[in-house]
Amino acid sequence: MQVAILGAGAIAYGTAALLRSHGHSVRLWSPSGQRGRALETGPLLAKGALEGRFEVGVAKSCADVLDGAEVAIVALPANGHRAVIEAAAPHLRAGQTVIFSSHASFGALYLDRLLTDRGVRLPIVVWGTTVVTGRQPQDDTVTVNTVRSKVDIATLPATHGEQGLALCQALFGDRFVLRDGLLAIALSNLNPQNHLGIAMFNLTRMERGETWGQGENVTPLVGRLLEQLDLERLAIAEALGLSVRTIFEHFHLSFHVPVASISEMNQQMHAEGRGGFGPTTAQSRYVLEDVPFGLVPTALLGRLVGRPAKLHEAGITLLSAAYGRDFKEDNDLLPVSGIEGRGIDELVRLCREGSAA
């Protein structure tokens, strides 16, 4: 298939390499215009869990990258989603499918509304996490840390679920689990809650720019906090009648370690040389992206269903105080998503049927 990737960072590069390894044609577009230039003259070099040299096209504009594409994949940090959604919406057409890798803060609802205003309906596929993790050491290179064996997905509208599942399998292989709608995916991304605990208790390491092992420093106390954060997320899902993956399943399926306590699983990853390294700056996506676009929506859902996520709320408050900013105000997707001010029944309907219903 012809695939357009909106983004040119580590996840976009890793996703492009995986698509090319499955035989698909890929073009990238860098919203900033600063990345991907090296791919205009040479191949993408993938190292780590996926290795090879792959020819990847580079587009000059959003309209250009979408022209002729059968699938468009949004693959960049959540704080860039609104700008990309607004750039893509005028050029998307019926017959195309959009995939959010991964979905954040009900951005799919915003895209769906913009398309509905144009009279365009197309399937939107949302992932609970990315299909790869990795780093981008150079503009022509990606180090793929892992290719996930399972990724939760759903579609908007929900009636396109089987179609969306078949498409993802055709693109990336049999590694996807269909969940019950957009709300399930909104509660399926564990990175924000995990990064909260990891960043909170290693903040001075980040601020000082130290090199430190992430899995190594998920000690028993930190691991217990991550488990308690997970219980809050699971309680919200239960109140909505939704089935979502637990933190234990997440680490087992994503990082291929036996199920144990979260600290023990991370120590096993570290012992195998796969524990990764933590952020070396306080200006990290673990805080600047995950707090406003991950923790804030989860806390909102907790209040709506009467299952307040007190640890999530405390994390938002503490990190806002530490950084001297209100992270709730940094989320530019929630105000345009159409969910604020809705009751839970109305929100459930919107997340299943979309704006045109």
Protein backbone atom coordinates (compact mmCIF):
# COMPACT_ATOMS: atom_id res chain seq x y z
CA MET A 1 0.00 0.00 0.00
CA GLN A 2 0.92 3.66 -0.37
CA VAL A 3 1.34 5.08 3.13
CA ALA A 4 1.82 8.70 4.23
CA ILE A 5 3.41 9.33 7.61
CA LEU A 6 2.71 12.71 9.20
CA GLY A 7 5.78 13.17 11.36
CA ALA A 8 9.52 12.63 11.04
CA GLY A 9 10.76 11.77 14.52
CA ALA A 10 11.85 8.48 16.04
CA ILE A 11 8.40 6.85 16.02
CA ALA A 12 7.73 8.01 12.45
CA TYR A 13 11.11 6.62 11.33
CA GLY A 14 10.61 3.32 13.15
CA THR A 15 7.10 2.97 11.75
CA ALA A 16 8.39 3.73 8.25
CA ALA A 17 11.10 1.07 8.56
CA LEU A 18 8.59 -1.52 9.75
CA LEU A 19 6.22 -0.69 6.89
CA ARG A 20 9.01 -0.95 4.34
CA SER A 21 10.06 -4.32 5.80
CA HIS A 22 6.51 -5.49 5.04
CA GLY A 23 6.77 -4.27 1.45
CA HIS A 24 4.74 -1.08 1.59
CA SER A 25 5.62 2.25 -0.02
CA VAL A 26 6.21 5.09 2.45
CA ARG A 27 6.53 8.87 2.27
CA LEU A 28 7.22 11.10 5.27
CA TRP A 29 6.26 14.70 5.91
CA SER A 30 7.99 16.75 8.60
CA PRO A 31 5.52 19.34 9.97
CA SER A 32 8.45 21.49 11.11
CA GLY A 33 10.27 21.08 7.82
CA GLN A 34 13.46 20.40 9.78
CA ARG A 35 13.66 16.63 9.73
CA GLY A 36 13.98 13.95 7.10
CA ARG A 37 16.18 15.87 4.70
CA ALA A 38 18.86 13.17 4.78
CA LEU A 39 16.34 10.68 3.41
CA GLU A 40 16.06 12.71 0.20
CA THR A 41 19.54 11.53 -0.81
CA GLY A 42 19.95 8.18 0.94
CA PRO A 43 18.15 5.32 2.67
CA LEU A 44 16.77 5.15 6.20
CA LEU A 45 19.10 3.07 8.38
CA ALA A 46 17.32 1.00 11.05
CA LYS A 47 19.21 -0.63 13.91
CA GLY A 48 18.26 -2.67 16.96
CA ALA A 49 15.08 -4.76 17.01
CA LEU A 50 14.63 -4.06 13.29
CA GLU A 51 17.64 -3.78 11.00
CA GLY A 52 18.06 -2.78 7.39
CA ARG A 53 18.31 0.06 4.89
CA PHE A 54 14.99 1.28 3.53
CA GLU A 55 14.09 3.73 0.79
CA VAL A 56 11.61 6.25 2.14
CA GLY A 57 10.19 9.23 0.27
CA VAL A 58 10.05 12.73 1.71
CA ALA A 59 7.23 15.16 0.89
CA LYS A 60 7.43 18.95 0.92
CA SER A 61 3.92 19.57 2.23
CA CYS A 62 0.98 17.88 3.91
CA ALA A 63 -1.05 18.05 0.69
CA ASP A 64 1.82 16.45 -1.18
CA VAL A 65 2.28 13.53 1.22
CA LEU A 66 -1.46 12.75 1.25
CA ASP A 67 -1.77 12.85 -2.55
CA GLY A 68 -2.08 9.25 -3.72
CA ALA A 69 -1.83 7.75 -0.23
CA GLU A 70 -4.25 5.03 0.79
CA VAL A 71 -3.39 5.39 4.48
CA ALA A 72 -2.18 8.36 6.53
CA ILE A 73 -0.47 7.71 9.88
CA VAL A 74 -0.18 10.49 12.46
CA ALA A 75 3.12 9.71 14.20
CA LEU A 76 4.45 12.55 16.30
CA PRO A 77 4.18 13.82 19.90
CA ALA A 78 0.69 14.73 21.07
CA ASN A 79 1.54 18.40 21.41
CA GLY A 80 1.87 18.45 17.63
CA HIS A 81 -1.38 16.65 16.85
CA ARG A 82 -3.69 19.66 16.60
CA ALA A 83 -1.51 21.42 14.03
CA VAL A 84 -1.20 18.24 11.94
CA ILE A 85 -4.93 17.52 12.15
CA GLU A 86 -5.68 21.04 10.92
CA ALA A 87 -3.10 20.72 8.13
CA ALA A 88 -4.41 17.33 6.96
CA ALA A 89 -8.18 17.80 7.24
CA PRO A 90 -8.59 19.96 4.09
CA HIS A 91 -6.74 17.40 1.93
CA LEU A 92 -8.09 14.05 3.15
CA ARG A 93 -10.65 12.36 0.90
CA ALA A 94 -13.10 9.49 1.01
CA GLY A 95 -11.37 6.17 0.45
CA GLN A 96 -8.42 7.02 2.66
CA THR A 97 -7.93 5.84 6.25
CA VAL A 98 -6.23 7.78 9.04
CA ILE A 99 -4.32 6.00 11.83
CA PHE A 100 -3.29 7.73 15.06
CA SER A 101 -0.04 6.25 16.37
CA SER A 102 -0.77 6.63 19.14
CA HIS A 103 -4.06 8.37 19.92
CA ALA A 104 -4.10 11.15 22.50
CA SER A 105 -6.65 13.36 24.20
CA PHE A 106 -9.60 12.65 21.87
CA GLY A 107 -7.83 14.10 18.84
CA ALA A 108 -9.74 11.70 16.58
CA LEU A 109 -12.97 13.48 17.52
CA TYR A 110 -11.52 16.79 16.39
CA LEU A 111 -10.42 15.36 13.05
CA ASP A 112 -13.81 13.68 12.61
CA ARG A 113 -15.60 17.00 13.23
CA LEU A 114 -13.43 18.86 10.72
CA LEU A 115 -14.05 16.19 8.10
CA THR A 116 -17.79 16.13 8.84
CA ASP A 117 -17.90 19.89 8.25
CA ARG A 118 -16.49 19.18 4.77
CA GLY A 119 -18.97 16.36 4.15
CA VAL A 120 -16.17 13.76 4.20
CA ARG A 121 -16.49 10.47 6.07
CA LEU A 122 -13.62 8.05 6.39
CA PRO A 123 -12.47 5.50 8.97
CA ILE A 124 -10.20 6.78 11.72
CA VAL A 125 -8.14 4.09 13.46
CA VAL A 126 -6.77 4.84 16.93
CA TRP A 127 -3.97 2.93 18.64
CA GLY A 128 -3.45 2.66 22.38
CA THR A 129 0.30 2.90 21.88
CA THR A 130 2.89 2.94 19.12
CA VAL A 131 3.84 -0.21 17.24
CA VAL A 132 7.54 0.56 17.81
CA THR A 133 9.67 2.35 20.36
CA GLY A 134 12.99 3.91 19.51
CA ARG A 135 15.43 6.77 19.29
CA GLN A 136 16.58 8.93 16.40
CA PRO A 137 20.36 9.40 16.82
CA GLN A 138 20.78 10.98 13.37
CA ASP A 139 18.57 12.36 10.62
CA ASP A 140 19.02 9.21 8.53
CA THR A 141 18.97 6.67 11.37
CA VAL A 142 16.52 5.11 13.83
CA THR A 143 17.38 2.77 16.68
CA VAL A 144 14.33 0.55 17.17
CA ASN A 145 14.20 -0.56 20.80
CA THR A 146 11.22 -2.85 20.44
CA VAL A 147 8.51 -3.91 17.99
CA ARG A 148 5.43 -4.56 20.09
CA SER A 149 3.78 -7.95 19.83
CA LYS A 150 0.34 -6.53 20.74
CA VAL A 151 -1.23 -3.11 20.17
CA ASP A 152 -4.80 -2.21 21.17
CA ILE A 153 -6.85 -0.47 18.49
CA ALA A 154 -10.36 0.84 17.83
CA THR A 155 -12.07 2.87 15.12
CA LEU A 156 -14.28 5.90 14.76
CA PRO A 157 -17.01 5.12 14.03
CA ALA A 158 -16.89 1.85 15.94
CA THR A 159 -18.77 0.05 13.16
CA HIS A 160 -15.55 0.09 11.10
CA GLY A 161 -13.70 -1.97 13.69
CA GLU A 162 -13.17 -5.14 11.68
CA GLN A 163 -12.18 -3.10 8.62
CA GLY A 164 -9.64 -1.16 10.67
CA LEU A 165 -8.25 -4.33 12.21
CA ALA A 166 -7.80 -5.95 8.80
CA LEU A 167 -6.02 -2.85 7.48
CA CYS A 168 -3.58 -2.71 10.40
CA GLN A 169 -2.82 -6.42 10.01
CA ALA A 170 -2.19 -5.95 6.29
CA LEU A 171 0.22 -3.12 7.05
CA PHE A 172 2.10 -4.46 10.06
CA GLY A 173 1.19 -8.11 10.60
CA ASP A 174 -0.90 -9.94 13.18
CA ARG A 175 -0.16 -7.88 16.28
CA PHE A 176 -3.39 -5.93 16.92
CA VAL A 177 -6.23 -6.38 19.42
CA LEU A 178 -9.59 -4.77 18.61
CA ARG A 179 -11.05 -2.96 21.61
CA ASP A 180 -14.55 -1.62 22.19
CA GLY A 181 -14.37 1.89 20.83
CA LEU A 182 -12.50 5.14 21.26
CA LEU A 183 -13.04 5.36 25.03
CA ALA A 184 -11.27 2.05 25.54
CA ILE A 185 -8.27 3.38 23.64
CA ALA A 186 -8.38 6.62 25.64
CA LEU A 187 -7.75 4.40 28.67
CA SER A 188 -5.26 2.06 26.99
CA ASN A 189 -2.12 4.20 26.78
CA LEU A 190 -0.13 3.40 29.91
CA ASN A 191 2.85 5.62 29.08
CA PRO A 192 1.54 8.78 30.81
CA GLN A 193 0.84 7.07 34.13
CA ASN A 194 4.11 5.11 34.03
CA HIS A 195 6.13 8.16 33.04
CA LEU A 196 4.53 10.10 35.90
CA GLY A 197 6.01 7.78 38.49
CA ILE A 198 9.35 7.45 36.71
CA ALA A 199 9.78 11.20 36.18
CA MET A 200 8.50 12.22 39.60
CA PHE A 201 11.06 10.16 41.45
CA ASN A 202 13.96 10.84 39.09
CA LEU A 203 13.31 14.53 38.45
CA THR A 204 16.67 15.69 39.77
CA ARG A 205 18.45 13.20 37.49
CA MET A 206 16.55 14.65 34.53
CA GLU A 207 17.20 18.23 35.58
CA ARG A 208 20.94 17.60 36.00
CA GLY A 209 21.23 15.83 32.66
CA GLU A 210 22.49 12.60 34.18
CA THR A 211 22.69 9.31 32.30
CA TRP A 212 20.57 6.82 34.20
CA GLY A 213 18.93 3.49 33.56
CA GLN A 214 15.15 3.73 33.45
CA GLY A 215 14.26 0.10 34.15
CA GLU A 216 17.00 -0.06 36.78
CA ASN A 217 15.41 2.80 38.70
CA VAL A 218 11.91 1.36 38.77
CA THR A 219 12.68 0.21 42.29
CA PRO A 220 10.10 -1.58 44.48
CA LEU A 221 8.65 1.70 45.80
CA VAL A 222 8.40 3.28 42.35
CA GLY A 223 6.96 0.05 40.95
CA ARG A 224 4.29 0.02 43.64
CA LEU A 225 3.25 3.56 42.72
CA LEU A 226 2.93 2.56 39.06
CA GLU A 227 0.71 -0.35 40.10
CA GLN A 228 -1.50 1.97 42.18
CA LEU A 229 -1.79 4.44 39.29
CA ASP A 230 -2.87 1.56 37.10
CA LEU A 231 -5.65 0.62 39.52
CA GLU A 232 -7.13 4.11 39.10
CA ARG A 233 -7.17 3.73 35.30
CA LEU A 234 -8.70 0.25 35.55
CA ALA A 235 -11.43 1.53 37.90
CA ILE A 236 -12.44 4.16 35.34
CA ALA A 237 -12.55 1.51 32.59
CA GLU A 238 -14.66 -0.75 34.82
CA ALA A 239 -17.14 2.04 35.45
CA LEU A 240 -17.52 2.40 31.67
CA GLY A 241 -17.87 -1.36 31.17
CA LEU A 242 -14.65 -1.50 29.15
CA SER A 243 -11.92 -4.11 28.98
CA VAL A 244 -8.38 -2.70 28.82
CA ARG A 245 -4.91 -4.11 29.29
CA THR A 246 -3.32 -4.10 32.75
CA ILE A 247 0.13 -2.68 33.45
CA PHE A 248 1.41 -6.24 33.93
CA GLU A 249 0.13 -7.27 30.49
CA HIS A 250 1.63 -4.09 29.03
CA PHE A 251 5.17 -4.81 30.20
CA HIS A 252 4.87 -8.51 29.38
CA LEU A 253 3.61 -8.00 25.83
CA SER A 254 5.61 -4.88 25.00
CA PHE A 255 8.96 -5.86 26.44
CA HIS A 256 8.74 -9.66 26.46
CA VAL A 257 9.49 -10.30 30.14
CA PRO A 258 7.69 -12.78 32.48
CA VAL A 259 4.82 -11.41 34.57
CA ALA A 260 5.94 -10.41 38.06
CA SER A 261 5.77 -7.22 40.10
CA ILE A 262 6.33 -4.11 37.99
CA SER A 263 9.67 -3.48 39.68
CA GLU A 264 10.79 -7.07 39.06
CA MET A 265 9.76 -6.88 35.40
CA ASN A 266 11.76 -3.68 34.94
CA GLN A 267 14.77 -5.16 36.73
CA GLN A 268 14.58 -8.12 34.34
CA MET A 269 14.56 -5.74 31.38
CA HIS A 270 17.59 -3.97 32.85
CA ALA A 271 19.44 -7.25 33.41
CA GLU A 272 18.85 -8.17 29.75
CA GLY A 273 20.16 -4.80 28.58
CA ARG A 274 16.69 -3.67 27.48
CA GLY A 275 15.77 -1.37 30.35
CA GLY A 276 16.52 1.76 28.35
CA PHE A 277 17.67 5.12 29.62
CA GLY A 278 15.62 7.81 31.29
CA PRO A 279 15.29 11.40 30.06
CA THR A 280 18.38 13.57 30.34
CA THR A 281 16.45 16.84 30.49
CA ALA A 282 13.56 18.21 32.49
CA GLN A 283 12.11 19.37 29.14
CA SER A 284 11.06 15.78 28.40
CA ARG A 285 7.94 14.40 26.77
CA TYR A 286 7.52 12.32 29.95
CA VAL A 287 6.25 15.57 31.50
CA LEU A 288 5.58 18.15 28.80
CA GLU A 289 3.55 15.77 26.62
CA ASP A 290 2.32 13.05 28.95
CA VAL A 291 0.97 15.26 31.72
CA PRO A 292 -1.31 17.54 29.66
CA PHE A 293 -2.25 15.04 26.94
CA GLY A 294 -2.28 11.81 28.98
CA LEU A 295 -2.91 12.42 32.66
CA VAL A 296 -5.33 15.33 32.23
CA PRO A 297 -7.83 13.41 30.00
CA THR A 298 -7.69 10.37 32.31
CA ALA A 299 -8.41 12.57 35.32
CA LEU A 300 -11.31 14.17 33.43
CA LEU A 301 -12.83 10.76 32.69
CA GLY A 302 -12.40 9.75 36.33
CA ARG A 303 -14.43 12.74 37.46
CA LEU A 304 -17.12 12.11 34.83
CA VAL A 305 -17.72 8.49 35.94
CA GLY A 306 -17.42 9.13 39.66
CA ARG A 307 -14.08 7.32 40.02
CA PRO A 308 -11.71 10.21 40.79
CA ALA A 309 -8.08 9.42 39.89
CA LYS A 310 -6.53 11.01 42.98
CA LEU A 311 -2.95 9.97 42.23
CA HIS A 312 -3.24 11.24 38.64
CA GLU A 313 -4.67 14.52 39.92
CA ALA A 314 -1.89 14.82 42.52
CA GLY A 315 0.76 14.19 39.86
CA ILE A 316 -0.67 16.92 37.64
CA THR A 317 -0.72 19.37 40.57
CA LEU A 318 2.78 18.53 41.82
CA LEU A 319 4.46 18.69 38.43
CA SER A 320 2.60 21.90 37.56
CA ALA A 321 3.99 23.39 40.77
CA ALA A 322 7.52 22.15 40.04
CA TYR A 323 7.50 23.52 36.49
CA GLY A 324 5.67 26.74 37.35
CA ARG A 325 2.94 26.21 34.78
CA ASP A 326 -0.59 24.85 34.65
CA PHE A 327 -0.30 21.69 32.58
CA LYS A 328 -4.07 21.53 32.17
CA GLU A 329 -3.83 24.69 30.09
CA ASP A 330 -1.17 23.13 27.83
CA ASN A 331 -3.68 20.71 26.31
CA ASP A 332 -4.89 22.28 23.06
CA LEU A 333 -6.94 19.26 21.96
CA LEU A 334 -9.53 18.94 24.72
CA PRO A 335 -11.05 22.39 24.07
CA VAL A 336 -11.71 21.50 20.40
CA SER A 337 -12.53 17.80 20.82
CA GLY A 338 -16.15 18.45 21.70
CA ILE A 339 -16.15 16.39 24.90
CA GLU A 340 -16.08 19.13 27.51
CA GLY A 341 -19.44 19.87 29.08
CA ARG A 342 -20.97 16.57 27.95
CA GLY A 343 -22.53 14.00 30.23
CA ILE A 344 -21.06 10.52 30.22
CA ASP A 345 -23.86 8.97 28.12
CA GLU A 346 -23.48 11.63 25.45
CA LEU A 347 -19.70 11.19 25.50
CA VAL A 348 -20.01 7.43 25.06
CA ARG A 349 -22.25 7.94 22.02
CA LEU A 350 -19.90 10.50 20.47
CA CYS A 351 -16.89 8.21 20.95
CA ARG A 352 -18.70 5.34 19.23
CA GLU A 353 -20.51 7.12 16.41
CA GLY A 354 -18.62 10.34 15.72
CA SER A 355 -19.87 13.80 14.83
CA ALA A 356 -22.15 12.81 11.95
CA ALA A 357 -24.42 10.62 14.07
